[in-house]
Amino acid sequence: MAIITKDHKSGMHFIFKNGAVTSGGGDHPCANARLIWENSLIAFAALASQNNYRFGRALLGGRLMSDGDVNLILLFKEIAFPAMG
């Protein structure tokens, strides 16, 4: 799973393997899914808010795009939001 900006200047990826989670900076060439944000400020504001409405508005407003398996993105969001709290 990768969270990146459209210009690829900012990003982070997460690898889930055998019950462990590791992360690193930037995109990952083998990511099964990506959240692609217009810029890092919008990404931080929406993700840090943990607000589904704000997340949805970014998606519907074209400030967030997805690539890959949408089910993985939804699962990641359900894991990541509580972990950020």
PDB file of N, CA and C in Angstrom:
ATOM      1  N   MET A   1       0.850  -1.168   0.000  1.00  0.00           N
ATOM      2  CA  MET A   1       0.000   0.000   0.000  1.00  0.00           C
ATOM      3  C   MET A   1       0.897   1.233   0.000  1.00  0.00           C
ATOM      4  N   ALA A   2       0.616   2.173  -0.881  1.00  0.00           N
ATOM      5  CA  ALA A   2       1.417   3.394  -0.942  1.00  0.00           C
ATOM      6  C   ALA A   2       0.496   4.611  -0.867  1.00  0.00           C
ATOM      7  N   ILE A   3       0.971   5.628  -0.190  1.00  0.00           N
ATOM      8  CA  ILE A   3       0.308   6.925  -0.140  1.00  0.00           C
ATOM      9  C   ILE A   3       1.318   7.912  -0.714  1.00  0.00           C
ATOM     10  N   ILE A   4       0.960   8.507  -1.852  1.00  0.00           N
ATOM     11  CA  ILE A   4       1.904   9.374  -2.538  1.00  0.00           C
ATOM     12  C   ILE A   4       1.212  10.646  -3.019  1.00  0.00           C
ATOM     13  N   THR A   5       2.016  11.624  -3.391  1.00  0.00           N
ATOM     14  CA  THR A   5       1.472  12.819  -4.032  1.00  0.00           C
ATOM     15  C   THR A   5       1.555  12.643  -5.542  1.00  0.00           C
ATOM     16  N   LYS A   6       0.702  13.375  -6.239  1.00  0.00           N
ATOM     17  CA  LYS A   6       0.612  13.275  -7.696  1.00  0.00           C
ATOM     18  C   LYS A   6       1.967  13.518  -8.363  1.00  0.00           C
ATOM     19  N   ASP A   7       2.763  14.440  -7.794  1.00  0.00           N
ATOM     20  CA  ASP A   7       4.067  14.754  -8.380  1.00  0.00           C
ATOM     21  C   ASP A   7       5.179  13.809  -7.915  1.00  0.00           C
ATOM     22  N   HIS A   8       4.848  12.843  -7.079  1.00  0.00           N
ATOM     23  CA  HIS A   8       5.781  11.837  -6.539  1.00  0.00           C
ATOM     24  C   HIS A   8       6.890  12.437  -5.673  1.00  0.00           C
ATOM     25  N   LYS A   9       6.714  13.673  -5.206  1.00  0.00           N
ATOM     26  CA  LYS A   9       7.724  14.291  -4.348  1.00  0.00           C
ATOM     27  C   LYS A   9       7.609  13.833  -2.898  1.00  0.00           C
ATOM     28  N   SER A  10       6.417  13.418  -2.484  1.00  0.00           N
ATOM     29  CA  SER A  10       6.197  12.948  -1.114  1.00  0.00           C
ATOM     30  C   SER A  10       5.464  11.623  -1.166  1.00  0.00           C
ATOM     31  N   GLY A  11       5.761  10.802  -0.199  1.00  0.00           N
ATOM     32  CA  GLY A  11       5.045   9.534  -0.145  1.00  0.00           C
ATOM     33  C   GLY A  11       5.585   8.611   0.923  1.00  0.00           C
ATOM     34  N   MET A  12       4.821   7.570   1.135  1.00  0.00           N
ATOM     35  CA  MET A  12       5.183   6.548   2.108  1.00  0.00           C
ATOM     36  C   MET A  12       4.517   5.262   1.671  1.00  0.00           C
ATOM     37  N   HIS A  13       5.188   4.147   1.891  1.00  0.00           N
ATOM     38  CA  HIS A  13       4.578   2.868   1.575  1.00  0.00           C
ATOM     39  C   HIS A  13       4.595   1.963   2.800  1.00  0.00           C
ATOM     40  N   PHE A  14       3.667   1.020   2.798  1.00  0.00           N
ATOM     41  CA  PHE A  14       3.509   0.085   3.902  1.00  0.00           C
ATOM     42  C   PHE A  14       3.481  -1.318   3.325  1.00  0.00           C
ATOM     43  N   ILE A  15       4.194  -2.229   3.971  1.00  0.00           N
ATOM     44  CA  ILE A  15       4.225  -3.622   3.548  1.00  0.00           C
ATOM     45  C   ILE A  15       3.656  -4.473   4.686  1.00  0.00           C
ATOM     46  N   PHE A  16       2.628  -5.232   4.359  1.00  0.00           N
ATOM     47  CA  PHE A  16       1.993  -6.138   5.313  1.00  0.00           C
ATOM     48  C   PHE A  16       2.410  -7.551   4.926  1.00  0.00           C
ATOM     49  N   LYS A  17       3.133  -8.230   5.836  1.00  0.00           N
ATOM     50  CA  LYS A  17       3.621  -9.574   5.522  1.00  0.00           C
ATOM     51  C   LYS A  17       3.689 -10.404   6.791  1.00  0.00           C
ATOM     52  N   ASN A  18       3.002 -11.519   6.783  1.00  0.00           N
ATOM     53  CA  ASN A  18       3.008 -12.460   7.906  1.00  0.00           C
ATOM     54  C   ASN A  18       2.660 -11.781   9.230  1.00  0.00           C
ATOM     55  N   GLY A  19       1.697 -10.889   9.210  1.00  0.00           N
ATOM     56  CA  GLY A  19       1.238 -10.227  10.427  1.00  0.00           C
ATOM     57  C   GLY A  19       2.091  -9.050  10.871  1.00  0.00           C
ATOM     58  N   ALA A  20       3.147  -8.748  10.143  1.00  0.00           N
ATOM     59  CA  ALA A  20       4.021  -7.623  10.489  1.00  0.00           C
ATOM     60  C   ALA A  20       3.807  -6.500   9.487  1.00  0.00           C
ATOM     61  N   VAL A  21       4.027  -5.276   9.945  1.00  0.00           N
ATOM     62  CA  VAL A  21       3.914  -4.105   9.080  1.00  0.00           C
ATOM     63  C   VAL A  21       5.245  -3.368   9.100  1.00  0.00           C
ATOM     64  N   THR A  22       5.764  -3.109   7.920  1.00  0.00           N
ATOM     65  CA  THR A  22       6.956  -2.280   7.791  1.00  0.00           C
ATOM     66  C   THR A  22       6.596  -1.114   6.870  1.00  0.00           C
ATOM     67  N   SER A  23       7.380  -0.061   6.955  1.00  0.00           N
ATOM     68  CA  SER A  23       7.096   1.107   6.119  1.00  0.00           C
ATOM     69  C   SER A  23       8.391   1.725   5.627  1.00  0.00           C
ATOM     70  N   GLY A  24       8.253   2.534   4.604  1.00  0.00           N
ATOM     71  CA  GLY A  24       9.401   3.230   4.062  1.00  0.00           C
ATOM     72  C   GLY A  24       8.949   4.473   3.322  1.00  0.00           C
ATOM     73  N   GLY A  25       9.887   5.303   2.978  1.00  0.00           N
ATOM     74  CA  GLY A  25       9.574   6.534   2.277  1.00  0.00           C
ATOM     75  C   GLY A  25       9.337   6.303   0.796  1.00  0.00           C
ATOM     76  N   GLY A  26       8.494   7.131   0.220  1.00  0.00           N
ATOM     77  CA  GLY A  26       8.233   7.091  -1.214  1.00  0.00           C
ATOM     78  C   GLY A  26       7.285   5.994  -1.640  1.00  0.00           C
ATOM     79  N   ASP A  27       7.107   5.910  -2.935  1.00  0.00           N
ATOM     80  CA  ASP A  27       6.247   4.896  -3.543  1.00  0.00           C
ATOM     81  C   ASP A  27       6.959   3.550  -3.476  1.00  0.00           C
ATOM     82  N   HIS A  28       6.235   2.486  -3.729  1.00  0.00           N
ATOM     83  CA  HIS A  28       6.824   1.155  -3.829  1.00  0.00           C
ATOM     84  C   HIS A  28       6.423   0.583  -5.180  1.00  0.00           C
ATOM     85  N   PRO A  29       7.380   0.095  -5.956  1.00  0.00           N
ATOM     86  CA  PRO A  29       7.053  -0.372  -7.308  1.00  0.00           C
ATOM     87  C   PRO A  29       6.085  -1.555  -7.338  1.00  0.00           C
ATOM     88  N   CYS A  30       5.987  -2.299  -6.252  1.00  0.00           N
ATOM     89  CA  CYS A  30       5.107  -3.475  -6.220  1.00  0.00           C
ATOM     90  C   CYS A  30       3.845  -3.242  -5.398  1.00  0.00           C
ATOM     91  N   ALA A  31       3.497  -1.996  -5.107  1.00  0.00           N
ATOM     92  CA  ALA A  31       2.300  -1.709  -4.310  1.00  0.00           C
ATOM     93  C   ALA A  31       1.062  -2.234  -5.027  1.00  0.00           C
ATOM     94  N   ASN A  32       0.196  -2.915  -4.273  1.00  0.00           N
ATOM     95  CA  ASN A  32      -1.054  -3.433  -4.829  1.00  0.00           C
ATOM     96  C   ASN A  32      -2.121  -2.350  -4.922  1.00  0.00           C
ATOM     97  N   ALA A  33      -1.920  -1.260  -4.168  1.00  0.00           N
ATOM     98  CA  ALA A  33      -2.887  -0.164  -4.160  1.00  0.00           C
ATOM     99  C   ALA A  33      -2.167   1.122  -3.782  1.00  0.00           C
ATOM    100  N   ARG A  34      -2.693   2.232  -4.292  1.00  0.00           N
ATOM    101  CA  ARG A  34      -2.110   3.542  -3.992  1.00  0.00           C
ATOM    102  C   ARG A  34      -3.213   4.564  -3.756  1.00  0.00           C
ATOM    103  N   LEU A  35      -2.970   5.446  -2.790  1.00  0.00           N
ATOM    104  CA  LEU A  35      -3.745   6.671  -2.638  1.00  0.00           C
ATOM    105  C   LEU A  35      -2.859   7.765  -3.206  1.00  0.00           C
ATOM    106  N   ILE A  36      -3.354   8.461  -4.207  1.00  0.00           N
ATOM    107  CA  ILE A  36      -2.556   9.480  -4.889  1.00  0.00           C
ATOM    108  C   ILE A  36      -3.208  10.831  -4.626  1.00  0.00           C
ATOM    109  N   TRP A  37      -2.562  11.648  -3.792  1.00  0.00           N
ATOM    110  CA  TRP A  37      -3.094  12.933  -3.353  1.00  0.00           C
ATOM    111  C   TRP A  37      -2.585  14.053  -4.235  1.00  0.00           C
ATOM    112  N   GLU A  38      -3.382  15.108  -4.360  1.00  0.00           N
ATOM    113  CA  GLU A  38      -3.000  16.290  -5.132  1.00  0.00           C
ATOM    114  C   GLU A  38      -1.714  16.894  -4.576  1.00  0.00           C
ATOM    115  N   ASN A  39      -1.618  17.002  -3.251  1.00  0.00           N
ATOM    116  CA  ASN A  39      -0.393  17.484  -2.613  1.00  0.00           C
ATOM    117  C   ASN A  39      -0.353  16.994  -1.163  1.00  0.00           C
ATOM    118  N   SER A  40       0.780  17.185  -0.521  1.00  0.00           N
ATOM    119  CA  SER A  40       0.971  16.646   0.826  1.00  0.00           C
ATOM    120  C   SER A  40       0.135  17.378   1.882  1.00  0.00           C
ATOM    121  N   LEU A  41      -0.158  18.651   1.684  1.00  0.00           N
ATOM    122  CA  LEU A  41      -0.968  19.390   2.658  1.00  0.00           C
ATOM    123  C   LEU A  41      -2.396  18.850   2.712  1.00  0.00           C
ATOM    124  N   ILE A  42      -2.972  18.591   1.554  1.00  0.00           N
ATOM    125  CA  ILE A  42      -4.322  18.030   1.500  1.00  0.00           C
ATOM    126  C   ILE A  42      -4.325  16.629   2.087  1.00  0.00           C
ATOM    127  N   ALA A  43      -3.317  15.834   1.757  1.00  0.00           N
ATOM    128  CA  ALA A  43      -3.230  14.467   2.286  1.00  0.00           C
ATOM    129  C   ALA A  43      -3.162  14.479   3.804  1.00  0.00           C
ATOM    130  N   PHE A  44      -2.288  15.303   4.352  1.00  0.00           N
ATOM    131  CA  PHE A  44      -2.136  15.348   5.808  1.00  0.00           C
ATOM    132  C   PHE A  44      -3.422  15.803   6.483  1.00  0.00           C
ATOM    133  N   ALA A  45      -4.030  16.850   5.954  1.00  0.00           N
ATOM    134  CA  ALA A  45      -5.257  17.379   6.568  1.00  0.00           C
ATOM    135  C   ALA A  45      -6.371  16.334   6.575  1.00  0.00           C
ATOM    136  N   ALA A  46      -6.547  15.646   5.471  1.00  0.00           N
ATOM    137  CA  ALA A  46      -7.626  14.648   5.388  1.00  0.00           C
ATOM    138  C   ALA A  46      -7.313  13.416   6.237  1.00  0.00           C
ATOM    139  N   LEU A  47      -6.092  12.916   6.150  1.00  0.00           N
ATOM    140  CA  LEU A  47      -5.755  11.707   6.905  1.00  0.00           C
ATOM    141  C   LEU A  47      -5.700  11.975   8.404  1.00  0.00           C
ATOM    142  N   ALA A  48      -5.115  13.092   8.797  1.00  0.00           N
ATOM    143  CA  ALA A  48      -5.009  13.404  10.230  1.00  0.00           C
ATOM    144  C   ALA A  48      -6.367  13.693  10.849  1.00  0.00           C
ATOM    145  N   SER A  49      -7.316  14.178  10.049  1.00  0.00           N
ATOM    146  CA  SER A  49      -8.637  14.484  10.590  1.00  0.00           C
ATOM    147  C   SER A  49      -9.406  13.225  10.958  1.00  0.00           C
ATOM    148  N   GLN A  50      -9.038  12.096  10.344  1.00  0.00           N
ATOM    149  CA  GLN A  50      -9.728  10.823  10.558  1.00  0.00           C
ATOM    150  C   GLN A  50     -11.226  10.967  10.302  1.00  0.00           C
ATOM    151  N   ASN A  51     -11.556  11.848   9.389  1.00  0.00           N
ATOM    152  CA  ASN A  51     -12.945  12.171   9.089  1.00  0.00           C
ATOM    153  C   ASN A  51     -13.307  11.590   7.725  1.00  0.00           C
ATOM    154  N   ASN A  52     -14.223  10.625   7.708  1.00  0.00           N
ATOM    155  CA  ASN A  52     -14.614   9.978   6.463  1.00  0.00           C
ATOM    156  C   ASN A  52     -15.209  10.970   5.467  1.00  0.00           C
ATOM    157  N   TYR A  53     -15.934  11.970   5.953  1.00  0.00           N
ATOM    158  CA  TYR A  53     -16.536  12.972   5.086  1.00  0.00           C
ATOM    159  C   TYR A  53     -15.443  13.759   4.354  1.00  0.00           C
ATOM    160  N   ARG A  54     -14.426  14.168   5.081  1.00  0.00           N
ATOM    161  CA  ARG A  54     -13.328  14.941   4.481  1.00  0.00           C
ATOM    162  C   ARG A  54     -12.564  14.088   3.461  1.00  0.00           C
ATOM    163  N   PHE A  55     -12.362  12.821   3.806  1.00  0.00           N
ATOM    164  CA  PHE A  55     -11.697  11.873   2.923  1.00  0.00           C
ATOM    165  C   PHE A  55     -12.524  11.723   1.636  1.00  0.00           C
ATOM    166  N   GLY A  56     -13.832  11.549   1.781  1.00  0.00           N
ATOM    167  CA  GLY A  56     -14.728  11.399   0.638  1.00  0.00           C
ATOM    168  C   GLY A  56     -14.778  12.639  -0.236  1.00  0.00           C
ATOM    169  N   ARG A  57     -14.789  13.810   0.405  1.00  0.00           N
ATOM    170  CA  ARG A  57     -14.795  15.069  -0.366  1.00  0.00           C
ATOM    171  C   ARG A  57     -13.539  15.205  -1.206  1.00  0.00           C
ATOM    172  N   ALA A  58     -12.388  14.785  -0.662  1.00  0.00           N
ATOM    173  CA  ALA A  58     -11.147  14.836  -1.432  1.00  0.00           C
ATOM    174  C   ALA A  58     -11.238  13.902  -2.641  1.00  0.00           C
ATOM    175  N   LEU A  59     -11.820  12.744  -2.437  1.00  0.00           N
ATOM    176  CA  LEU A  59     -11.973  11.779  -3.523  1.00  0.00           C
ATOM    177  C   LEU A  59     -12.933  12.298  -4.597  1.00  0.00           C
ATOM    178  N   LEU A  60     -14.081  12.775  -4.169  1.00  0.00           N
ATOM    179  CA  LEU A  60     -15.071  13.269  -5.120  1.00  0.00           C
ATOM    180  C   LEU A  60     -14.646  14.586  -5.767  1.00  0.00           C
ATOM    181  N   GLY A  61     -13.827  15.367  -5.081  1.00  0.00           N
ATOM    182  CA  GLY A  61     -13.374  16.648  -5.613  1.00  0.00           C
ATOM    183  C   GLY A  61     -12.139  16.557  -6.496  1.00  0.00           C
ATOM    184  N   GLY A  62     -11.642  15.346  -6.727  1.00  0.00           N
ATOM    185  CA  GLY A  62     -10.484  15.176  -7.598  1.00  0.00           C
ATOM    186  C   GLY A  62      -9.151  15.471  -6.946  1.00  0.00           C
ATOM    187  N   ARG A  63      -9.142  15.692  -5.628  1.00  0.00           N
ATOM    188  CA  ARG A  63      -7.877  15.947  -4.924  1.00  0.00           C
ATOM    189  C   ARG A  63      -7.230  14.650  -4.449  1.00  0.00           C
ATOM    190  N   LEU A  64      -7.950  13.540  -4.623  1.00  0.00           N
ATOM    191  CA  LEU A  64      -7.470  12.211  -4.259  1.00  0.00           C
ATOM    192  C   LEU A  64      -7.900  11.245  -5.346  1.00  0.00           C
ATOM    193  N   MET A  65      -6.952  10.437  -5.780  1.00  0.00           N
ATOM    194  CA  MET A  65      -7.245   9.372  -6.738  1.00  0.00           C
ATOM    195  C   MET A  65      -6.754   8.057  -6.136  1.00  0.00           C
ATOM    196  N   SER A  66      -7.275   6.977  -6.657  1.00  0.00           N
ATOM    197  CA  SER A  66      -6.803   5.674  -6.203  1.00  0.00           C
ATOM    198  C   SER A  66      -6.329   4.870  -7.400  1.00  0.00           C
ATOM    199  N   ASP A  67      -5.423   3.957  -7.126  1.00  0.00           N
ATOM    200  CA  ASP A  67      -4.894   3.079  -8.152  1.00  0.00           C
ATOM    201  C   ASP A  67      -4.761   1.698  -7.523  1.00  0.00           C
ATOM    202  N   GLY A  68      -5.254   0.692  -8.184  1.00  0.00           N
ATOM    203  CA  GLY A  68      -5.114  -0.660  -7.669  1.00  0.00           C
ATOM    204  C   GLY A  68      -6.367  -1.148  -6.975  1.00  0.00           C
ATOM    205  N   ASP A  69      -6.183  -2.075  -6.066  1.00  0.00           N
ATOM    206  CA  ASP A  69      -7.280  -2.770  -5.397  1.00  0.00           C
ATOM    207  C   ASP A  69      -7.978  -1.868  -4.382  1.00  0.00           C
ATOM    208  N   VAL A  70      -9.190  -1.440  -4.701  1.00  0.00           N
ATOM    209  CA  VAL A  70      -9.952  -0.542  -3.833  1.00  0.00           C
ATOM    210  C   VAL A  70     -10.251  -1.210  -2.487  1.00  0.00           C
ATOM    211  N   ASN A  71     -10.463  -2.515  -2.480  1.00  0.00           N
ATOM    212  CA  ASN A  71     -10.719  -3.212  -1.218  1.00  0.00           C
ATOM    213  C   ASN A  71      -9.535  -3.091  -0.259  1.00  0.00           C
ATOM    214  N   LEU A  72      -8.323  -3.135  -0.795  1.00  0.00           N
ATOM    215  CA  LEU A  72      -7.134  -2.960   0.051  1.00  0.00           C
ATOM    216  C   LEU A  72      -7.062  -1.541   0.602  1.00  0.00           C
ATOM    217  N   ILE A  73      -7.450  -0.576  -0.215  1.00  0.00           N
ATOM    218  CA  ILE A  73      -7.444   0.814   0.240  1.00  0.00           C
ATOM    219  C   ILE A  73      -8.423   0.998   1.392  1.00  0.00           C
ATOM    220  N   LEU A  74      -9.621   0.444   1.250  1.00  0.00           N
ATOM    221  CA  LEU A  74     -10.617   0.557   2.323  1.00  0.00           C
ATOM    222  C   LEU A  74     -10.152  -0.150   3.593  1.00  0.00           C
ATOM    223  N   LEU A  75      -9.558  -1.320   3.447  1.00  0.00           N
ATOM    224  CA  LEU A  75      -9.033  -2.047   4.606  1.00  0.00           C
ATOM    225  C   LEU A  75      -7.911  -1.247   5.271  1.00  0.00           C
ATOM    226  N   PHE A  76      -7.033  -0.683   4.461  1.00  0.00           N
ATOM    227  CA  PHE A  76      -5.940   0.124   5.005  1.00  0.00           C
ATOM    228  C   PHE A  76      -6.478   1.310   5.786  1.00  0.00           C
ATOM    229  N   LYS A  77      -7.492   1.978   5.225  1.00  0.00           N
ATOM    230  CA  LYS A  77      -8.079   3.122   5.909  1.00  0.00           C
ATOM    231  C   LYS A  77      -8.668   2.706   7.261  1.00  0.00           C
ATOM    232  N   GLU A  78      -9.305   1.561   7.301  1.00  0.00           N
ATOM    233  CA  GLU A  78      -9.902   1.086   8.554  1.00  0.00           C
ATOM    234  C   GLU A  78      -8.833   0.730   9.593  1.00  0.00           C
ATOM    235  N   ILE A  79      -7.670   0.338   9.144  1.00  0.00           N
ATOM    236  CA  ILE A  79      -6.560   0.034  10.056  1.00  0.00           C
ATOM    237  C   ILE A  79      -5.821   1.317  10.448  1.00  0.00           C
ATOM    238  N   ALA A  80      -5.555   2.162   9.465  1.00  0.00           N
ATOM    239  CA  ALA A  80      -4.710   3.335   9.678  1.00  0.00           C
ATOM    240  C   ALA A  80      -5.384   4.419  10.509  1.00  0.00           C
ATOM    241  N   PHE A  81      -6.672   4.675  10.280  1.00  0.00           N
ATOM    242  CA  PHE A  81      -7.346   5.739  11.014  1.00  0.00           C
ATOM    243  C   PHE A  81      -7.273   5.511  12.526  1.00  0.00           C
ATOM    244  N   PRO A  82      -7.639   4.345  13.039  1.00  0.00           N
ATOM    245  CA  PRO A  82      -7.530   4.137  14.486  1.00  0.00           C
ATOM    246  C   PRO A  82      -6.085   4.183  14.994  1.00  0.00           C
ATOM    247  N   ALA A  83      -5.141   3.722  14.179  1.00  0.00           N
ATOM    248  CA  ALA A  83      -3.740   3.722  14.582  1.00  0.00           C
ATOM    249  C   ALA A  83      -3.180   5.129  14.699  1.00  0.00           C
ATOM    250  N   MET A  84      -3.747   6.066  13.917  1.00  0.00           N
ATOM    251  CA  MET A  84      -3.271   7.455  13.949  1.00  0.00           C
ATOM    252  C   MET A  84      -3.834   8.212  15.160  1.00  0.00           C
ATOM    253  N   GLY A  85      -4.852   7.652  15.789  1.00  0.00           N
ATOM    254  CA  GLY A  85      -5.514   8.330  16.917  1.00  0.00           C
ATOM    255  C   GLY A  85      -4.748   8.299  18.196  1.00  0.00           C
TER     256      GLY A  85
END
